[in-house]
Amino acid sequence: MDEDSLETLVEVRAGRLHVPAQTYERVLDGFPAVALLARDDGWWLIPLKAGAGGLQLKQRNARGDRVIEAQEFLRSQGVDDAQEPMTFSLEFDTGRGAYRFGRTR
């Protein structure tokens, strides 16, 4: 399987954005934080360099999975903490330098 065909997945669960180690290593390695934005065309994850602020990518386990505390963002988008987990693919937009995922309101 060639690298371009690998899916980059994230999961929204219990007010957090879970980033598997494979996704982190493939698209977010070297970025300690992200910004989350909601636009008409979906949700956006923007990788941020150290010192730029944002939401920290915390290492969750020895495998290297990461988690982003996103309760405030998700609640503003109508996603309750008790909602069933949702899995999304990250789609890179070169024009925005960001990854699109999720849904609109």
C-alpha atoms as a PDB file:
ATOM      1  CA  MET A   1       0.000   0.000   0.000  1.00  0.00           C
ATOM      2  CA  ASP A   2       1.467   3.342  -0.944  1.00  0.00           C
ATOM      3  CA  GLU A   3       1.648   6.145   1.606  1.00  0.00           C
ATOM      4  CA  ASP A   4      -0.746   8.391  -0.314  1.00  0.00           C
ATOM      5  CA  SER A   5      -3.500   5.793  -0.033  1.00  0.00           C
ATOM      6  CA  LEU A   6      -3.331   5.619   3.781  1.00  0.00           C
ATOM      7  CA  GLU A   7      -6.267   7.303   5.481  1.00  0.00           C
ATOM      8  CA  THR A   8      -5.580   9.901   8.128  1.00  0.00           C
ATOM      9  CA  LEU A   9      -8.342   9.448  10.683  1.00  0.00           C
ATOM     10  CA  VAL A  10      -9.386  11.262  13.849  1.00  0.00           C
ATOM     11  CA  GLU A  11     -12.145  10.393  16.292  1.00  0.00           C
ATOM     12  CA  VAL A  12     -14.403  12.747  18.234  1.00  0.00           C
ATOM     13  CA  ARG A  13     -15.275  11.144  21.566  1.00  0.00           C
ATOM     14  CA  ALA A  14     -16.321  12.521  24.979  1.00  0.00           C
ATOM     15  CA  GLY A  15     -15.429  16.111  24.129  1.00  0.00           C
ATOM     16  CA  ARG A  16     -11.997  15.232  22.823  1.00  0.00           C
ATOM     17  CA  LEU A  17     -10.404  14.834  19.426  1.00  0.00           C
ATOM     18  CA  HIS A  18      -8.442  11.569  19.450  1.00  0.00           C
ATOM     19  CA  VAL A  19      -5.519  11.367  17.023  1.00  0.00           C
ATOM     20  CA  PRO A  20      -4.081   7.869  16.453  1.00  0.00           C
ATOM     21  CA  ALA A  21      -0.268   7.617  16.473  1.00  0.00           C
ATOM     22  CA  GLN A  22      -0.259   6.781  12.737  1.00  0.00           C
ATOM     23  CA  THR A  23      -2.184   9.967  11.903  1.00  0.00           C
ATOM     24  CA  TYR A  24      -0.020  12.061  14.229  1.00  0.00           C
ATOM     25  CA  GLU A  25       3.228  10.754  12.725  1.00  0.00           C
ATOM     26  CA  ARG A  26       1.955  11.190   9.187  1.00  0.00           C
ATOM     27  CA  VAL A  27       0.542  14.724   9.326  1.00  0.00           C
ATOM     28  CA  LEU A  28       1.113  16.404  12.708  1.00  0.00           C
ATOM     29  CA  ASP A  29       4.600  15.341  13.834  1.00  0.00           C
ATOM     30  CA  GLY A  30       6.537  18.454  14.830  1.00  0.00           C
ATOM     31  CA  PHE A  31       3.404  20.449  15.658  1.00  0.00           C
ATOM     32  CA  PRO A  32       2.745  20.562  19.427  1.00  0.00           C
ATOM     33  CA  ALA A  33      -0.614  22.334  19.104  1.00  0.00           C
ATOM     34  CA  VAL A  34      -3.535  22.933  16.764  1.00  0.00           C
ATOM     35  CA  ALA A  35      -6.335  25.423  16.245  1.00  0.00           C
ATOM     36  CA  LEU A  36      -9.877  24.223  15.551  1.00  0.00           C
ATOM     37  CA  LEU A  37     -12.160  26.387  13.420  1.00  0.00           C
ATOM     38  CA  ALA A  38     -15.716  25.983  12.179  1.00  0.00           C
ATOM     39  CA  ARG A  39     -16.557  27.328   8.739  1.00  0.00           C
ATOM     40  CA  ASP A  40     -19.552  26.864   6.441  1.00  0.00           C
ATOM     41  CA  ASP A  41     -17.767  24.054   4.631  1.00  0.00           C
ATOM     42  CA  GLY A  42     -16.809  22.052   7.724  1.00  0.00           C
ATOM     43  CA  TRP A  43     -14.426  21.906  10.653  1.00  0.00           C
ATOM     44  CA  TRP A  44     -10.760  22.770  10.199  1.00  0.00           C
ATOM     45  CA  LEU A  45      -7.684  21.581  12.091  1.00  0.00           C
ATOM     46  CA  ILE A  46      -4.721  23.935  11.701  1.00  0.00           C
ATOM     47  CA  PRO A  47      -1.284  22.670  12.847  1.00  0.00           C
ATOM     48  CA  LEU A  48       0.603  25.239  14.956  1.00  0.00           C
ATOM     49  CA  LYS A  49       4.289  25.580  15.806  1.00  0.00           C
ATOM     50  CA  ALA A  50       5.513  25.946  19.401  1.00  0.00           C
ATOM     51  CA  GLY A  51       4.698  29.313  20.933  1.00  0.00           C
ATOM     52  CA  ALA A  52       1.745  29.976  18.634  1.00  0.00           C
ATOM     53  CA  GLY A  53      -0.865  29.087  21.255  1.00  0.00           C
ATOM     54  CA  GLY A  54      -3.772  26.821  20.416  1.00  0.00           C
ATOM     55  CA  LEU A  55      -4.873  23.486  21.813  1.00  0.00           C
ATOM     56  CA  GLN A  56      -2.107  21.151  22.962  1.00  0.00           C
ATOM     57  CA  LEU A  57      -1.677  17.705  21.392  1.00  0.00           C
ATOM     58  CA  LYS A  58      -1.204  15.628  24.554  1.00  0.00           C
ATOM     59  CA  GLN A  59       0.355  12.175  24.323  1.00  0.00           C
ATOM     60  CA  ARG A  60      -2.219   9.692  25.573  1.00  0.00           C
ATOM     61  CA  ASN A  61      -0.331   6.398  25.731  1.00  0.00           C
ATOM     62  CA  ALA A  62       2.960   4.619  24.970  1.00  0.00           C
ATOM     63  CA  ARG A  63       1.793   3.931  21.395  1.00  0.00           C
ATOM     64  CA  GLY A  64       1.946   7.657  20.717  1.00  0.00           C
ATOM     65  CA  ASP A  65      -1.764   8.347  20.310  1.00  0.00           C
ATOM     66  CA  ARG A  66      -2.604  12.004  20.972  1.00  0.00           C
ATOM     67  CA  VAL A  67      -5.673  13.752  22.361  1.00  0.00           C
ATOM     68  CA  ILE A  68      -6.911  17.323  22.053  1.00  0.00           C
ATOM     69  CA  GLU A  69      -9.235  18.701  24.741  1.00  0.00           C
ATOM     70  CA  ALA A  70     -11.919  20.195  22.490  1.00  0.00           C
ATOM     71  CA  GLN A  71     -15.028  20.342  24.696  1.00  0.00           C
ATOM     72  CA  GLU A  72     -15.647  24.068  24.190  1.00  0.00           C
ATOM     73  CA  PHE A  73     -15.274  23.852  20.403  1.00  0.00           C
ATOM     74  CA  LEU A  74     -17.403  20.719  20.075  1.00  0.00           C
ATOM     75  CA  ARG A  75     -20.178  22.009  22.346  1.00  0.00           C
ATOM     76  CA  SER A  76     -20.334  25.208  20.267  1.00  0.00           C
ATOM     77  CA  GLN A  77     -20.911  22.930  17.280  1.00  0.00           C
ATOM     78  CA  GLY A  78     -23.755  21.037  18.940  1.00  0.00           C
ATOM     79  CA  VAL A  79     -21.708  17.946  19.807  1.00  0.00           C
ATOM     80  CA  ASP A  80     -22.577  16.757  23.309  1.00  0.00           C
ATOM     81  CA  ASP A  81     -19.920  15.024  25.436  1.00  0.00           C
ATOM     82  CA  ALA A  82     -22.195  11.964  25.731  1.00  0.00           C
ATOM     83  CA  GLN A  83     -22.722  11.622  21.972  1.00  0.00           C
ATOM     84  CA  GLU A  84     -21.621   8.438  20.231  1.00  0.00           C
ATOM     85  CA  PRO A  85     -18.021   8.533  18.922  1.00  0.00           C
ATOM     86  CA  MET A  86     -17.599   9.870  15.379  1.00  0.00           C
ATOM     87  CA  THR A  87     -14.666   9.064  13.074  1.00  0.00           C
ATOM     88  CA  PHE A  88     -13.535  11.426  10.320  1.00  0.00           C
ATOM     89  CA  SER A  89     -10.849  11.548   7.643  1.00  0.00           C
ATOM     90  CA  LEU A  90      -8.547  14.554   7.545  1.00  0.00           C
ATOM     91  CA  GLU A  91      -8.383  16.128   4.078  1.00  0.00           C
ATOM     92  CA  PHE A  92      -5.518  18.564   3.490  1.00  0.00           C
ATOM     93  CA  ASP A  93      -6.296  21.844   1.727  1.00  0.00           C
ATOM     94  CA  THR A  94      -3.060  23.296   0.345  1.00  0.00           C
ATOM     95  CA  GLY A  95      -4.617  26.735  -0.133  1.00  0.00           C
ATOM     96  CA  ARG A  96      -5.478  26.988   3.553  1.00  0.00           C
ATOM     97  CA  GLY A  97      -2.595  24.964   4.966  1.00  0.00           C
ATOM     98  CA  ALA A  98      -5.138  23.136   7.110  1.00  0.00           C
ATOM     99  CA  TYR A  99      -7.021  19.849   7.383  1.00  0.00           C
ATOM    100  CA  ARG A 100     -10.770  19.707   6.809  1.00  0.00           C
ATOM    101  CA  PHE A 101     -12.839  17.203   8.778  1.00  0.00           C
ATOM    102  CA  GLY A 102     -16.219  16.830  10.399  1.00  0.00           C
ATOM    103  CA  ARG A 103     -19.446  18.442   9.527  1.00  0.00           C
ATOM    104  CA  THR A 104     -21.216  21.750   9.483  1.00  0.00           C
ATOM    105  CA  ARG A 105     -23.861  22.792  11.936  1.00  0.00           C
END
